[in-house]
Amino acid sequence: MLKTMKYRLKPTKAQATQLDNQLEECRWTYNHLLAQRKEAWEERQESLSYYAQAPTLPALKEERQTLTGVHSQVLQNVAVRIDLAFKAFFRRCKAGEEPGYPRFRGHGRYDSMTFPQYGNGCQLTDGVLKLSKVGAVRVIQHRPLDGTPKTCTVRRSSAGKWYAAIACEVETTPLLSTGEAVGIDVGLISFSTLSTGEATPCPKFLRTDEHDLKRTQRKLSAATKGTPERAKRRKIVARVHERISNRRSNFAHQESRKIVNRFDVIAVEDLSVNQMVHNHCLAKSIQDAAWSQFATHLTYKAAYAGRQYVAVNPAYTSQDCSRCGHRQKKTLAERVHQCACCGLTLDRDHNAALNIKRLGLQALGLVPRSSGLQAGE
């Protein structure tokens, strides 16, 4: 399986300028290839492919000499990105979704470049990342590379920081079996409630830093467009967003690691977060909780550790009684489950977690469906 190792880069001012120039050349190439496809279809009803566009790159370098400052395989990867964008566009058209035609990238709107073959144009050695046409860039290497490096992506964040993400092919290292299974119900009051009854409070990182974010955004709005002052304030706003994002990601990593270390079987709700955020009353809180990010971390960590991960249908998990199965409708304001049939009384989220655990075990075939609801207890 692939594992991505992310490192912070500390380029010199000259190296940062060179990296910015390379991204700008990649952006120009992206727009040029997009214009080629658009023109070919409008004039000749011809749909260009990657294999039709990639061979034109050498001739393009002769016309635009600045492209020689970018590694050849990085430019080829730009053509790959265009091809993937159009494949996704046609897939959405076929599925009846909103198509979203690939758009041209404005200045500063292209923020990453990929070396598809590690060792060809990029190599990490002793805390230094050697990049083609840039040189040796200092790296904050907090951990060594794990496995066989395959690709390297250099990215510039909106706050102007540089990162390198190296994808490595690694062998799974199963953890010792614990014999335990868990169901996890996520929420806005408690970030996660386990079927064991344990609950983790929702940290609400965005709400915590909302005052700082509003203050910096007001100053940004007051600055005149196109001035150096506005560019400076935009970076300050980006840093606040980045700080919130880093805290949220760190929290999701820590919580998912604790769960993977403890349980052999992990069952979670298969939530459609994109549809849930249409509720304008809860959208900000749902996005701040980052349930999808938490589920993503659980998925790959469970696979790497040899654990079983299953996403179950969340329908009625909060309304069904985990003991007898009686379905009783509840509003979001009702936080305690009180069964009118069997008399079970417990926290609403704990009851849902027990149902999720039962459904997960049944989906994996670890308990027969005829075993009833007691398997969730």
Protein backbone atom coordinates (compact mmCIF):
# COMPACT_ATOMS: atom_id res chain seq x y z
CA MET A 1 0.00 0.00 0.00
CA LEU A 2 1.01 3.64 -0.43
CA LYS A 3 1.89 5.84 2.51
CA THR A 4 2.51 9.58 2.13
CA MET A 5 5.26 11.26 4.14
CA LYS A 6 4.87 15.02 4.40
CA TYR A 7 7.81 17.32 5.19
CA ARG A 8 8.15 21.07 5.63
CA LEU A 9 10.66 22.71 3.28
CA LYS A 10 12.85 25.67 4.22
CA PRO A 11 14.05 27.07 0.87
CA THR A 12 16.28 30.12 0.64
CA LYS A 13 14.83 33.27 -0.88
CA ALA A 14 16.43 32.47 -4.24
CA GLN A 15 15.14 28.88 -4.12
CA ALA A 16 11.63 30.04 -3.23
CA THR A 17 11.70 32.41 -6.19
CA GLN A 18 12.80 29.56 -8.48
CA LEU A 19 10.02 27.32 -7.15
CA ASP A 20 7.48 30.11 -7.71
CA ASN A 21 8.74 30.49 -11.28
CA GLN A 22 8.38 26.76 -11.91
CA LEU A 23 4.81 26.77 -10.62
CA GLU A 24 4.05 29.72 -12.87
CA GLU A 25 5.42 27.82 -15.88
CA CYS A 26 3.32 24.79 -14.91
CA ARG A 27 0.28 27.06 -14.67
CA TRP A 28 0.97 28.47 -18.14
CA THR A 29 1.35 24.95 -19.55
CA TYR A 30 -1.90 23.85 -17.90
CA ASN A 31 -3.80 26.78 -19.43
CA HIS A 32 -2.16 26.22 -22.82
CA LEU A 33 -3.13 22.53 -22.92
CA LEU A 34 -6.64 23.37 -21.74
CA ALA A 35 -6.98 25.96 -24.50
CA GLN A 36 -5.79 23.36 -27.04
CA ARG A 37 -8.53 20.94 -26.00
CA LYS A 38 -11.18 23.64 -25.99
CA GLU A 39 -10.16 24.86 -29.45
CA ALA A 40 -9.95 21.34 -30.91
CA TRP A 41 -13.49 20.58 -29.81
CA GLU A 42 -15.03 23.90 -30.83
CA GLU A 43 -13.41 23.94 -34.28
CA ARG A 44 -13.13 20.26 -35.23
CA GLN A 45 -15.25 18.38 -32.65
CA GLU A 46 -12.05 16.51 -31.79
CA SER A 47 -11.40 15.29 -28.24
CA LEU A 48 -7.68 15.36 -27.49
CA SER A 49 -6.10 12.81 -25.17
CA TYR A 50 -2.95 12.81 -23.04
CA TYR A 51 -1.13 10.85 -25.75
CA ALA A 52 -1.99 13.55 -28.29
CA GLN A 53 -0.81 16.43 -26.12
CA ALA A 54 2.28 15.04 -24.34
CA PRO A 55 4.39 14.78 -27.56
CA THR A 56 3.86 18.51 -28.19
CA LEU A 57 5.77 19.52 -25.04
CA PRO A 58 9.30 19.44 -26.60
CA ALA A 59 8.19 21.80 -29.40
CA LEU A 60 6.49 23.97 -26.81
CA LYS A 61 9.80 24.31 -24.97
CA GLU A 62 11.44 25.65 -28.12
CA GLU A 63 8.76 28.32 -28.46
CA ARG A 64 8.82 29.27 -24.76
CA GLN A 65 12.39 29.07 -23.44
CA THR A 66 11.36 29.57 -19.80
CA LEU A 67 9.83 26.07 -19.82
CA THR A 68 13.36 24.65 -19.85
CA GLY A 69 13.59 25.71 -16.21
CA VAL A 70 11.11 22.96 -15.29
CA HIS A 71 11.89 19.24 -15.20
CA SER A 72 10.46 17.43 -18.24
CA GLN A 73 8.49 14.88 -16.21
CA VAL A 74 6.89 17.65 -14.16
CA LEU A 75 5.53 19.16 -17.39
CA GLN A 76 4.32 15.72 -18.47
CA ASN A 77 2.47 15.46 -15.17
CA VAL A 78 0.69 18.73 -16.01
CA ALA A 79 -0.66 17.00 -19.13
CA VAL A 80 -1.73 14.07 -16.92
CA ARG A 81 -3.64 16.46 -14.64
CA ILE A 82 -5.48 17.96 -17.61
CA ASP A 83 -6.37 14.48 -18.81
CA LEU A 84 -7.69 13.47 -15.38
CA ALA A 85 -9.71 16.70 -15.15
CA PHE A 86 -11.47 15.93 -18.44
CA LYS A 87 -12.05 12.30 -17.51
CA ALA A 88 -13.73 13.46 -14.30
CA PHE A 89 -15.75 15.99 -16.32
CA PHE A 90 -17.06 13.32 -18.71
CA ARG A 91 -17.76 10.95 -15.82
CA ARG A 92 -19.92 13.60 -14.11
CA CYS A 93 -21.73 14.31 -17.38
CA LYS A 94 -22.50 10.62 -17.84
CA ALA A 95 -23.70 10.28 -14.24
CA GLY A 96 -26.05 13.26 -14.60
CA GLU A 97 -24.17 15.32 -12.03
CA GLU A 98 -23.18 18.97 -12.32
CA PRO A 99 -20.35 18.71 -14.92
CA GLY A 100 -17.96 21.45 -13.79
CA TYR A 101 -15.92 22.08 -16.95
CA PRO A 102 -12.15 22.39 -16.21
CA ARG A 103 -11.25 26.04 -15.66
CA PHE A 104 -8.23 28.12 -16.55
CA ARG A 105 -5.92 28.85 -13.62
CA GLY A 106 -5.32 32.48 -12.68
CA HIS A 107 -2.05 33.89 -11.37
CA GLY A 108 -1.10 32.14 -8.11
CA ARG A 109 -3.84 29.54 -8.54
CA TYR A 110 -1.51 26.66 -9.40
CA ASP A 111 0.19 25.57 -6.19
CA SER A 112 1.80 22.15 -6.69
CA MET A 113 4.01 20.15 -9.04
CA THR A 114 4.70 16.42 -9.08
CA PHE A 115 7.82 14.44 -9.90
CA PRO A 116 6.25 11.11 -11.00
CA GLN A 117 9.49 9.12 -10.58
CA TYR A 118 11.31 9.58 -7.29
CA GLY A 119 15.03 9.82 -7.92
CA ASN A 120 14.54 11.43 -11.32
CA GLY A 121 14.62 15.15 -10.55
CA CYS A 122 14.09 14.82 -6.80
CA GLN A 123 15.78 12.93 -3.97
CA LEU A 124 15.75 13.28 -0.17
CA THR A 125 19.12 12.71 1.49
CA ASP A 126 20.28 13.64 5.01
CA GLY A 127 17.72 16.37 5.60
CA VAL A 128 18.12 17.89 2.13
CA LEU A 129 15.72 17.54 -0.81
CA LYS A 130 17.56 17.83 -4.11
CA LEU A 131 15.22 19.28 -6.74
CA SER A 132 15.95 19.65 -10.43
CA LYS A 133 16.63 23.26 -11.51
CA VAL A 134 16.39 24.40 -7.87
CA GLY A 135 19.19 22.72 -5.93
CA ALA A 136 19.43 21.33 -2.40
CA VAL A 137 16.50 22.55 -0.30
CA ARG A 138 16.67 22.16 3.46
CA VAL A 139 13.98 19.90 4.93
CA ILE A 140 12.60 19.59 8.44
CA GLN A 141 12.80 15.80 8.40
CA HIS A 142 10.93 14.80 11.53
CA ARG A 143 10.96 11.11 10.55
CA PRO A 144 12.80 8.98 7.99
CA LEU A 145 11.23 7.73 4.80
CA ASP A 146 9.31 4.49 5.26
CA GLY A 147 9.31 1.99 2.40
CA THR A 148 10.15 2.58 -1.26
CA PRO A 149 9.63 6.19 -2.45
CA LYS A 150 7.56 6.44 -5.64
CA THR A 151 6.54 10.06 -6.28
CA CYS A 152 7.24 13.48 -4.82
CA THR A 153 4.86 16.44 -4.85
CA VAL A 154 6.10 19.91 -3.92
CA ARG A 155 3.31 22.23 -2.77
CA ARG A 156 3.05 25.88 -1.82
CA SER A 157 0.42 26.58 0.84
CA SER A 158 -1.81 29.65 0.72
CA ALA A 159 0.30 31.08 3.56
CA GLY A 160 3.43 30.87 1.38
CA LYS A 161 4.97 27.83 3.09
CA TRP A 162 6.50 24.98 1.11
CA TYR A 163 5.91 21.26 1.68
CA ALA A 164 7.04 18.03 0.07
CA ALA A 165 4.75 14.99 0.05
CA ILE A 166 6.60 11.77 -0.82
CA ALA A 167 4.43 8.73 -1.57
CA CYS A 168 6.11 5.49 -0.46
CA GLU A 169 5.14 1.89 -1.10
CA VAL A 170 5.15 0.11 2.24
CA GLU A 171 4.28 -3.32 3.60
CA THR A 172 1.51 -3.51 6.16
CA THR A 173 2.59 -4.13 9.73
CA PRO A 174 -0.32 -5.76 11.57
CA LEU A 175 -0.71 -4.88 15.25
CA LEU A 176 -1.29 -7.51 17.91
CA SER A 177 -4.91 -8.64 18.09
CA THR A 178 -6.98 -7.23 20.96
CA GLY A 179 -10.17 -9.18 20.25
CA GLU A 180 -12.23 -6.00 20.67
CA ALA A 181 -14.77 -4.39 18.35
CA VAL A 182 -16.18 -0.87 18.49
CA GLY A 183 -18.94 1.20 16.95
CA ILE A 184 -18.38 4.94 16.61
CA ASP A 185 -21.07 7.61 16.45
CA VAL A 186 -19.84 11.08 15.51
CA GLY A 187 -21.62 14.25 16.55
CA LEU A 188 -21.37 17.96 17.23
CA ILE A 189 -21.55 17.90 21.03
CA SER A 190 -19.33 14.85 21.42
CA PHE A 191 -16.92 14.48 18.51
CA SER A 192 -17.10 10.70 18.86
CA THR A 193 -19.02 8.36 21.14
CA LEU A 194 -17.82 4.75 21.32
CA SER A 195 -19.99 1.72 21.91
CA THR A 196 -18.00 1.29 25.16
CA GLY A 197 -19.67 4.48 26.43
CA GLU A 198 -16.58 6.69 26.13
CA ALA A 199 -17.13 10.13 24.60
CA THR A 200 -14.66 12.69 23.27
CA PRO A 201 -15.78 16.35 23.41
CA CYS A 202 -15.86 18.22 20.11
CA PRO A 203 -12.87 20.62 20.11
CA LYS A 204 -14.49 23.25 17.79
CA PHE A 205 -11.24 24.70 16.49
CA LEU A 206 -12.94 27.13 14.11
CA ARG A 207 -15.22 28.49 16.82
CA THR A 208 -12.24 28.94 19.13
CA ASP A 209 -10.28 31.02 16.62
CA GLU A 210 -13.28 32.71 15.02
CA HIS A 211 -12.52 36.04 16.71
CA ASP A 212 -8.99 36.15 15.26
CA LEU A 213 -10.30 35.11 11.86
CA LYS A 214 -12.93 37.86 11.77
CA ARG A 215 -10.42 40.49 12.88
CA THR A 216 -7.91 39.58 10.17
CA GLN A 217 -10.64 39.35 7.51
CA ARG A 218 -11.93 42.83 8.38
CA LYS A 219 -8.42 44.24 7.89
CA LEU A 220 -8.15 42.39 4.58
CA SER A 221 -11.45 43.85 3.37
CA ALA A 222 -10.30 47.36 4.27
CA ALA A 223 -7.14 47.10 2.13
CA THR A 224 -7.24 48.34 -1.47
CA LYS A 225 -7.27 45.59 -4.09
CA GLY A 226 -4.02 45.05 -5.95
CA THR A 227 -1.81 46.70 -3.33
CA PRO A 228 1.11 45.07 -1.47
CA GLU A 229 -0.73 45.76 1.79
CA ARG A 230 -3.68 43.63 0.69
CA ALA A 231 -1.36 40.79 -0.36
CA LYS A 232 0.30 40.95 3.07
CA ARG A 233 -3.05 40.84 4.90
CA ARG A 234 -4.27 38.00 2.70
CA LYS A 235 -1.32 35.91 3.89
CA ILE A 236 -2.21 36.70 7.51
CA VAL A 237 -5.76 35.42 6.95
CA ALA A 238 -4.30 32.32 5.27
CA ARG A 239 -2.07 31.67 8.29
CA VAL A 240 -5.07 31.72 10.64
CA HIS A 241 -6.91 29.26 8.39
CA GLU A 242 -3.80 27.08 8.21
CA ARG A 243 -3.45 27.09 12.00
CA ILE A 244 -7.06 25.95 12.40
CA SER A 245 -6.61 23.27 9.73
CA ASN A 246 -3.40 21.96 11.33
CA ARG A 247 -5.01 21.67 14.75
CA ARG A 248 -8.02 19.88 13.32
CA SER A 249 -5.84 17.47 11.34
CA ASN A 250 -3.62 16.77 14.35
CA PHE A 251 -6.69 16.02 16.48
CA ALA A 252 -8.11 13.63 13.85
CA HIS A 253 -4.75 11.85 13.59
CA GLN A 254 -4.47 11.37 17.35
CA GLU A 255 -8.04 10.16 17.85
CA SER A 256 -7.90 7.74 14.92
CA ARG A 257 -4.56 6.35 16.14
CA LYS A 258 -5.99 5.66 19.62
CA ILE A 259 -8.93 3.75 18.15
CA VAL A 260 -6.84 1.70 15.70
CA ASN A 261 -4.45 0.70 18.49
CA ARG A 262 -7.31 -0.50 20.74
CA PHE A 263 -9.78 -2.32 18.48
CA ASP A 264 -9.63 -5.11 15.90
CA VAL A 265 -12.98 -4.21 14.27
CA ILE A 266 -13.99 -0.58 13.73
CA ALA A 267 -17.50 0.31 12.54
CA VAL A 268 -18.45 3.88 11.67
CA GLU A 269 -21.35 5.67 10.00
CA ASP A 270 -21.18 6.11 6.23
CA LEU A 271 -22.20 9.77 6.36
CA SER A 272 -22.90 11.93 3.31
CA VAL A 273 -21.34 15.11 4.67
CA ASN A 274 -21.78 17.02 1.38
CA GLN A 275 -25.55 16.69 1.72
CA MET A 276 -25.59 17.40 5.45
CA VAL A 277 -23.90 20.80 5.07
CA HIS A 278 -26.89 22.01 3.05
CA ASN A 279 -28.49 22.62 6.43
CA HIS A 280 -27.35 26.23 6.93
CA CYS A 281 -27.95 26.04 10.69
CA LEU A 282 -25.41 23.25 11.17
CA ALA A 283 -23.11 23.61 8.14
CA LYS A 284 -20.32 25.52 9.91
CA SER A 285 -20.26 23.15 12.89
CA ILE A 286 -20.32 20.06 10.65
CA GLN A 287 -17.40 21.30 8.57
CA ASP A 288 -15.51 22.30 11.71
CA ALA A 289 -15.91 18.78 13.11
CA ALA A 290 -14.29 17.28 9.96
CA TRP A 291 -15.94 13.86 10.21
CA SER A 292 -14.78 12.90 6.70
CA GLN A 293 -11.14 13.61 7.60
CA PHE A 294 -11.49 11.46 10.73
CA ALA A 295 -12.99 8.60 8.70
CA THR A 296 -10.21 8.87 6.09
CA HIS A 297 -7.52 8.62 8.76
CA LEU A 298 -9.28 5.63 10.32
CA THR A 299 -9.53 3.91 6.93
CA TYR A 300 -5.87 3.96 5.96
CA LYS A 301 -4.54 3.43 9.49
CA ALA A 302 -6.77 0.41 9.94
CA ALA A 303 -5.58 -1.02 6.62
CA TYR A 304 -1.94 -0.41 7.54
CA ALA A 305 -2.40 -2.05 10.96
CA GLY A 306 -4.36 -5.04 9.67
CA ARG A 307 -7.59 -3.99 11.36
CA GLN A 308 -11.08 -4.46 9.90
CA TYR A 309 -12.86 -1.21 9.05
CA VAL A 310 -16.48 -1.04 7.91
CA ALA A 311 -18.81 1.89 7.13
CA VAL A 312 -22.48 1.15 7.80
CA ASN A 313 -25.71 2.81 6.75
CA PRO A 314 -26.50 5.44 9.41
CA ALA A 315 -30.27 5.26 8.84
CA TYR A 316 -32.24 4.90 12.10
CA THR A 317 -29.16 4.17 14.22
CA SER A 318 -30.21 6.95 16.61
CA GLN A 319 -33.89 5.95 16.64
CA ASP A 320 -33.68 2.17 17.04
CA CYS A 321 -33.27 0.73 20.51
CA SER A 322 -29.98 -1.15 20.79
CA ARG A 323 -31.57 -3.70 23.12
CA CYS A 324 -34.95 -4.59 21.62
CA GLY A 325 -34.96 -2.84 18.23
CA HIS A 326 -38.03 -0.70 18.87
CA ARG A 327 -37.98 2.36 16.61
CA GLN A 328 -38.86 5.62 18.31
CA LYS A 329 -38.53 8.95 16.51
CA LYS A 330 -36.49 11.64 18.23
CA THR A 331 -35.68 15.26 17.50
CA LEU A 332 -32.09 16.51 17.57
CA ALA A 333 -32.85 18.18 20.90
CA GLU A 334 -33.59 14.81 22.59
CA ARG A 335 -30.21 13.67 23.91
CA VAL A 336 -31.38 10.68 25.99
CA HIS A 337 -32.72 7.43 24.57
CA GLN A 338 -35.69 6.09 26.54
CA CYS A 339 -37.23 2.95 25.08
CA ALA A 340 -40.98 2.66 25.57
CA CYS A 341 -40.83 -1.14 25.08
CA CYS A 342 -37.92 -2.48 27.12
CA GLY A 343 -37.26 0.54 29.34
CA LEU A 344 -33.63 0.99 28.26
CA THR A 345 -32.33 4.45 29.18
CA LEU A 346 -28.94 5.70 28.03
CA ASP A 347 -27.29 8.51 26.13
CA ARG A 348 -28.61 8.93 22.59
CA ASP A 349 -25.13 8.79 21.00
CA HIS A 350 -24.14 5.71 23.06
CA ASN A 351 -27.27 3.93 21.85
CA ALA A 352 -26.41 4.84 18.25
CA ALA A 353 -22.83 3.59 18.68
CA LEU A 354 -24.12 0.22 19.89
CA ASN A 355 -26.34 -0.05 16.81
CA ILE A 356 -23.43 0.88 14.55
CA LYS A 357 -21.27 -1.80 16.15
CA ARG A 358 -23.99 -4.43 15.63
CA LEU A 359 -24.48 -3.46 11.98
CA GLY A 360 -20.73 -3.49 11.40
CA LEU A 361 -20.29 -6.97 12.85
CA GLN A 362 -23.21 -8.24 10.77
CA ALA A 363 -21.79 -6.65 7.59
CA LEU A 364 -18.47 -8.43 8.15
CA GLY A 365 -20.23 -11.72 8.88
CA LEU A 366 -18.74 -11.90 12.38
CA VAL A 367 -22.20 -12.40 13.90
CA PRO A 368 -25.28 -13.85 12.15
CA ARG A 369 -28.06 -11.39 11.36
CA SER A 370 -30.46 -13.69 13.16
CA SER A 371 -28.52 -13.14 16.39
CA GLY A 372 -30.63 -10.08 17.10
CA LEU A 373 -29.68 -6.84 18.73
CA GLN A 374 -27.80 -8.20 21.69
CA ALA A 375 -24.59 -8.38 19.61
CA GLY A 376 -24.35 -4.62 19.78
CA GLU A 377 -24.22 -4.51 23.54
